[in-house]
């Protein structure tokens, strides 16, 4: 599906309900004191990637599903220019399993790509609300573990 000039920031704002502005990498600092932040993925939270030479504005992606402590599925825009990708697998390779070193699955190449430095996750919860509980793996048949 093509969205012409749709960028990751307005897509993440719309998909998550987190009302932040500015380049993607600025979301982490901009969320301080407004939204809760953390190192564990939760469906609906936003993964914030740092600014790098390859990602000059950083990048944000919305967590759709937590598959395991090391794998999530995300929805995001403009990872592939002009495209929204749904259910893309992201794997954490950080030694502490703190999601500071995610790798995104490249469907075309059939492999996980480069490691991108990440700040963590922003949760759609005000700073004075109890933090969301990190989800565990959810069986595909809908039963609870």
Protein backbone atom coordinates (compact mmCIF):
# COMPACT_ATOMS: atom_id res chain seq x y z
CA UNK A 1 0.00 0.00 0.00
CA UNK A 2 1.49 3.35 -0.99
CA UNK A 3 0.97 6.54 1.00
CA UNK A 4 3.08 8.92 -1.11
CA UNK A 5 4.82 11.27 1.35
CA UNK A 6 3.66 9.60 4.57
CA UNK A 7 6.49 9.58 7.08
CA UNK A 8 6.97 7.47 10.20
CA UNK A 9 6.15 10.25 12.69
CA UNK A 10 2.60 11.13 11.56
CA UNK A 11 1.88 7.44 11.02
CA UNK A 12 3.04 6.53 14.55
CA UNK A 13 1.10 9.45 16.03
CA UNK A 14 -2.08 8.28 14.29
CA UNK A 15 -1.59 4.56 15.00
CA UNK A 16 -0.56 4.91 18.66
CA UNK A 17 -2.48 7.95 19.84
CA UNK A 18 0.77 9.37 21.25
CA UNK A 19 0.66 13.06 20.45
CA UNK A 20 4.29 14.05 19.95
CA UNK A 21 5.84 16.17 17.21
CA UNK A 22 9.31 16.61 15.74
CA UNK A 23 11.82 14.26 14.16
CA UNK A 24 11.48 10.65 15.26
CA UNK A 25 14.67 10.61 17.35
CA UNK A 26 13.38 13.60 19.40
CA UNK A 27 10.32 11.65 20.56
CA UNK A 28 12.24 9.99 23.39
CA UNK A 29 13.25 13.26 25.06
CA UNK A 30 9.96 14.96 24.13
CA UNK A 31 8.01 12.20 25.92
CA UNK A 32 9.87 12.79 29.21
CA UNK A 33 7.47 14.07 31.85
CA UNK A 34 4.48 13.56 29.55
CA UNK A 35 4.31 9.87 28.59
CA UNK A 36 5.71 6.84 30.33
CA UNK A 37 8.85 5.32 28.79
CA UNK A 38 10.55 2.00 29.27
CA UNK A 39 12.56 -0.89 27.89
CA UNK A 40 9.81 -3.49 27.47
CA UNK A 41 7.54 -3.65 24.41
CA UNK A 42 3.79 -3.45 24.89
CA UNK A 43 1.21 -3.52 22.07
CA UNK A 44 0.46 0.07 21.06
CA UNK A 45 3.77 1.41 22.38
CA UNK A 46 6.21 3.20 20.09
CA UNK A 47 9.77 1.96 19.55
CA UNK A 48 12.09 4.96 19.11
CA UNK A 49 15.29 4.53 17.09
CA UNK A 50 18.19 6.94 17.54
CA UNK A 51 19.52 9.30 14.91
CA UNK A 52 22.34 7.72 12.86
CA UNK A 53 24.08 8.38 9.57
CA UNK A 54 21.56 6.03 7.91
CA UNK A 55 18.56 7.33 9.89
CA UNK A 56 19.15 11.07 9.94
CA UNK A 57 15.76 11.73 11.56
CA UNK A 58 15.70 8.52 13.60
CA UNK A 59 12.63 6.30 13.20
CA UNK A 60 9.51 5.30 15.12
CA UNK A 61 7.46 2.12 14.82
CA UNK A 62 4.30 1.02 16.62
CA UNK A 63 4.33 -2.35 18.41
CA UNK A 64 1.52 -4.51 17.13
CA UNK A 65 2.32 -7.74 18.99
CA UNK A 66 4.85 -9.11 21.46
CA UNK A 67 5.92 -12.52 20.15
CA UNK A 68 8.56 -13.25 22.80
CA UNK A 69 10.98 -11.38 25.06
CA UNK A 70 13.22 -10.93 22.01
CA UNK A 71 10.75 -10.57 19.13
CA UNK A 72 7.96 -8.13 18.35
CA UNK A 73 5.86 -7.30 15.30
CA UNK A 74 5.61 -3.63 14.34
CA UNK A 75 3.65 -1.42 11.99
CA UNK A 76 5.45 1.60 10.56
CA UNK A 77 5.68 3.97 7.63
CA UNK A 78 8.53 4.86 5.31
CA UNK A 79 10.98 2.14 6.37
CA UNK A 80 10.61 1.35 2.70
CA UNK A 81 10.04 4.81 1.15
CA UNK A 82 6.38 5.67 0.60
CA UNK A 83 5.16 2.40 2.13
CA UNK A 84 3.40 1.30 5.31
CA UNK A 85 4.61 -2.08 6.55
CA UNK A 86 2.42 -4.10 8.91
CA UNK A 87 3.54 -7.01 11.09
CA UNK A 88 7.27 -6.62 10.43
CA UNK A 89 9.34 -8.77 12.74
CA UNK A 90 11.90 -6.99 14.91
CA UNK A 91 14.44 -8.94 16.96
CA UNK A 92 16.38 -7.62 19.96
CA UNK A 93 20.06 -8.62 20.02
CA UNK A 94 21.11 -6.48 22.99
CA UNK A 95 23.06 -8.43 25.65
CA UNK A 96 20.73 -7.19 28.43
CA UNK A 97 17.54 -7.84 26.41
CA UNK A 98 16.66 -4.16 26.87
CA UNK A 99 15.73 -3.44 23.22
CA UNK A 100 18.61 -1.01 22.68
CA UNK A 101 19.84 -3.07 19.68
CA UNK A 102 16.93 -4.13 17.44
CA UNK A 103 17.21 -5.72 13.99
CA UNK A 104 14.34 -5.49 11.49
CA UNK A 105 13.46 -8.45 9.27
CA UNK A 106 14.06 -7.81 5.58
CA UNK A 107 11.38 -9.80 3.78
CA UNK A 108 12.98 -9.29 0.36
CA UNK A 109 16.38 -10.60 1.49
CA UNK A 110 14.94 -13.15 3.93
CA UNK A 111 17.24 -12.06 6.79
CA UNK A 112 17.35 -9.69 9.74
CA UNK A 113 19.17 -6.51 8.77
CA UNK A 114 21.56 -4.19 10.55
CA UNK A 115 21.42 -3.34 14.22
CA UNK A 116 19.92 0.10 14.88
CA UNK A 117 20.46 1.84 18.21
CA UNK A 118 17.18 2.43 20.05
CA UNK A 119 16.14 4.44 23.11
CA UNK A 120 13.23 2.23 24.11
CA UNK A 121 9.43 2.36 24.09
CA UNK A 122 6.98 5.17 24.71
CA UNK A 123 3.67 4.06 26.20
CA UNK A 124 0.36 5.77 25.56
CA UNK A 125 -0.10 6.46 29.26
CA UNK A 126 0.30 9.76 31.08
CA UNK A 127 3.23 10.01 33.44
CA UNK A 128 0.96 9.83 36.54
CA UNK A 129 -0.74 6.55 35.52
CA UNK A 130 0.31 3.04 36.55
CA UNK A 131 2.75 1.71 33.90
CA UNK A 132 1.45 -0.85 31.43
CA UNK A 133 2.28 -4.48 32.09
CA UNK A 134 4.62 -6.01 29.54
CA UNK A 135 2.81 -8.67 27.55
CA UNK A 136 4.14 -12.17 27.29
CA UNK A 137 3.84 -14.42 24.31
CA UNK A 138 0.19 -14.76 23.34
CA UNK A 139 -0.86 -18.08 21.79
CA UNK A 140 -2.29 -17.79 18.29
CA UNK A 141 -5.43 -19.73 19.31
CA UNK A 142 -6.43 -16.92 21.68
CA UNK A 143 -6.05 -18.94 24.89
CA UNK A 144 -4.21 -17.46 27.81
CA UNK A 145 -0.86 -18.95 28.87
